[in-house]
């Protein structure tokens, strides 16, 4: 999980990247910003947390008010479950 900020006219984003085969560069599974309000993480983007629930299963919990741009449910052999949460 990481934050990205691209300048004064854009909001901070929270992003989750799943790359089980590091050298293949699979890319982002989740991208959201806090444009709709809600709770922000210490990094400035919307609050989120992630937890491996199995060898190929990832749980991403995020602020339910986050504006979501990308939300993949499968990346390679990894299944991703999302849980919006009021913070």
C-alpha atoms as a PDB file:
ATOM      1  CA  UNK A   1       0.000   0.000   0.000  1.00  0.00           C
ATOM      2  CA  UNK A   2       1.284   3.458  -0.827  1.00  0.00           C
ATOM      3  CA  UNK A   3       0.226   7.072  -1.340  1.00  0.00           C
ATOM      4  CA  UNK A   4       0.569   9.121  -4.476  1.00  0.00           C
ATOM      5  CA  UNK A   5       0.158  12.867  -4.929  1.00  0.00           C
ATOM      6  CA  UNK A   6       0.510  14.483  -8.321  1.00  0.00           C
ATOM      7  CA  UNK A   7       0.302  18.203  -7.612  1.00  0.00           C
ATOM      8  CA  UNK A   8      -1.805  21.046  -6.311  1.00  0.00           C
ATOM      9  CA  UNK A   9      -4.852  20.298  -8.461  1.00  0.00           C
ATOM     10  CA  UNK A  10      -5.215  16.628  -7.430  1.00  0.00           C
ATOM     11  CA  UNK A  11      -5.965  14.873  -4.153  1.00  0.00           C
ATOM     12  CA  UNK A  12      -3.740  12.372  -2.362  1.00  0.00           C
ATOM     13  CA  UNK A  13      -4.567   8.804  -3.367  1.00  0.00           C
ATOM     14  CA  UNK A  14      -4.268   5.545  -1.482  1.00  0.00           C
ATOM     15  CA  UNK A  15      -3.145   2.684  -3.691  1.00  0.00           C
ATOM     16  CA  UNK A  16      -2.683  -1.060  -3.198  1.00  0.00           C
ATOM     17  CA  UNK A  17      -0.436  -2.944  -5.579  1.00  0.00           C
ATOM     18  CA  UNK A  18      -0.394  -6.737  -5.776  1.00  0.00           C
ATOM     19  CA  UNK A  19       2.594  -8.128  -7.606  1.00  0.00           C
ATOM     20  CA  UNK A  20       3.099 -11.784  -6.632  1.00  0.00           C
ATOM     21  CA  UNK A  21       5.761 -12.131  -9.325  1.00  0.00           C
ATOM     22  CA  UNK A  22       7.732  -8.983  -8.622  1.00  0.00           C
ATOM     23  CA  UNK A  23       9.531  -8.893 -11.962  1.00  0.00           C
ATOM     24  CA  UNK A  24       6.297  -9.050 -13.999  1.00  0.00           C
ATOM     25  CA  UNK A  25       5.018  -5.652 -12.798  1.00  0.00           C
ATOM     26  CA  UNK A  26       1.325  -6.556 -12.491  1.00  0.00           C
ATOM     27  CA  UNK A  27       0.371  -3.198 -10.978  1.00  0.00           C
ATOM     28  CA  UNK A  28      -2.350  -1.628  -8.919  1.00  0.00           C
ATOM     29  CA  UNK A  29      -5.381  -3.458  -7.569  1.00  0.00           C
ATOM     30  CA  UNK A  30      -6.986  -0.513  -5.723  1.00  0.00           C
ATOM     31  CA  UNK A  31      -6.842   3.263  -6.203  1.00  0.00           C
ATOM     32  CA  UNK A  32      -8.965   5.772  -4.254  1.00  0.00           C
ATOM     33  CA  UNK A  33      -8.907   9.408  -3.200  1.00  0.00           C
ATOM     34  CA  UNK A  34     -10.655  11.323  -0.438  1.00  0.00           C
ATOM     35  CA  UNK A  35     -12.575  13.731  -2.666  1.00  0.00           C
ATOM     36  CA  UNK A  36     -15.895  12.662  -1.101  1.00  0.00           C
ATOM     37  CA  UNK A  37     -14.675  13.297   2.461  1.00  0.00           C
ATOM     38  CA  UNK A  38     -14.199  10.657   5.111  1.00  0.00           C
ATOM     39  CA  UNK A  39     -11.218   9.741   7.214  1.00  0.00           C
ATOM     40  CA  UNK A  40      -7.693  10.154   5.905  1.00  0.00           C
ATOM     41  CA  UNK A  41      -4.686   8.083   6.808  1.00  0.00           C
ATOM     42  CA  UNK A  42      -1.491   9.619   8.195  1.00  0.00           C
ATOM     43  CA  UNK A  43      -0.177   9.706   4.599  1.00  0.00           C
ATOM     44  CA  UNK A  44      -2.939  12.085   3.407  1.00  0.00           C
ATOM     45  CA  UNK A  45      -4.989   9.732   1.228  1.00  0.00           C
ATOM     46  CA  UNK A  46      -8.189   8.004   2.354  1.00  0.00           C
ATOM     47  CA  UNK A  47      -7.816   5.558   5.219  1.00  0.00           C
ATOM     48  CA  UNK A  48      -7.256   1.926   4.217  1.00  0.00           C
ATOM     49  CA  UNK A  49      -5.767  -1.227   5.655  1.00  0.00           C
ATOM     50  CA  UNK A  50      -4.853  -4.570   4.156  1.00  0.00           C
ATOM     51  CA  UNK A  51      -4.383  -8.054   5.536  1.00  0.00           C
ATOM     52  CA  UNK A  52      -3.418 -11.359   3.979  1.00  0.00           C
ATOM     53  CA  UNK A  53      -6.130 -13.855   4.968  1.00  0.00           C
ATOM     54  CA  UNK A  54      -4.535 -16.765   3.105  1.00  0.00           C
ATOM     55  CA  UNK A  55      -1.619 -17.501   0.765  1.00  0.00           C
ATOM     56  CA  UNK A  56      -3.533 -16.054  -2.203  1.00  0.00           C
ATOM     57  CA  UNK A  57      -6.233 -14.023  -0.452  1.00  0.00           C
ATOM     58  CA  UNK A  58      -6.004 -10.340   0.443  1.00  0.00           C
ATOM     59  CA  UNK A  59      -8.559  -8.303   2.399  1.00  0.00           C
ATOM     60  CA  UNK A  60      -8.556  -4.541   1.788  1.00  0.00           C
ATOM     61  CA  UNK A  61     -10.609  -2.487   4.247  1.00  0.00           C
ATOM     62  CA  UNK A  62     -11.159   1.141   3.247  1.00  0.00           C
ATOM     63  CA  UNK A  63     -13.126   4.222   4.251  1.00  0.00           C
ATOM     64  CA  UNK A  64     -16.600   3.869   2.769  1.00  0.00           C
ATOM     65  CA  UNK A  65     -16.566   7.514   1.621  1.00  0.00           C
ATOM     66  CA  UNK A  66     -13.424   7.103  -0.487  1.00  0.00           C
ATOM     67  CA  UNK A  67     -13.892   7.779  -4.190  1.00  0.00           C
ATOM     68  CA  UNK A  68     -12.694   4.587  -5.887  1.00  0.00           C
ATOM     69  CA  UNK A  69     -11.046   4.659  -9.305  1.00  0.00           C
ATOM     70  CA  UNK A  70      -9.825   1.060  -9.577  1.00  0.00           C
ATOM     71  CA  UNK A  71     -10.832  -2.071  -7.674  1.00  0.00           C
ATOM     72  CA  UNK A  72      -9.657  -5.374  -9.111  1.00  0.00           C
ATOM     73  CA  UNK A  73     -10.983  -8.556  -7.513  1.00  0.00           C
ATOM     74  CA  UNK A  74      -8.330 -10.867  -9.000  1.00  0.00           C
ATOM     75  CA  UNK A  75      -4.690 -10.084  -9.752  1.00  0.00           C
ATOM     76  CA  UNK A  76      -2.703 -13.057 -11.011  1.00  0.00           C
ATOM     77  CA  UNK A  77      -3.482 -15.857  -8.561  1.00  0.00           C
ATOM     78  CA  UNK A  78      -4.491 -13.454  -5.761  1.00  0.00           C
ATOM     79  CA  UNK A  79      -8.169 -12.958  -4.887  1.00  0.00           C
ATOM     80  CA  UNK A  80      -8.942  -9.585  -3.296  1.00  0.00           C
ATOM     81  CA  UNK A  81     -11.938  -8.894  -1.078  1.00  0.00           C
ATOM     82  CA  UNK A  82     -12.939  -5.306  -0.244  1.00  0.00           C
ATOM     83  CA  UNK A  83     -14.688  -4.180   2.897  1.00  0.00           C
ATOM     84  CA  UNK A  84     -15.888  -0.553   3.049  1.00  0.00           C
ATOM     85  CA  UNK A  85     -15.970   0.727   6.616  1.00  0.00           C
ATOM     86  CA  UNK A  86     -17.255   3.888   8.246  1.00  0.00           C
ATOM     87  CA  UNK A  87     -14.402   5.552  10.136  1.00  0.00           C
END
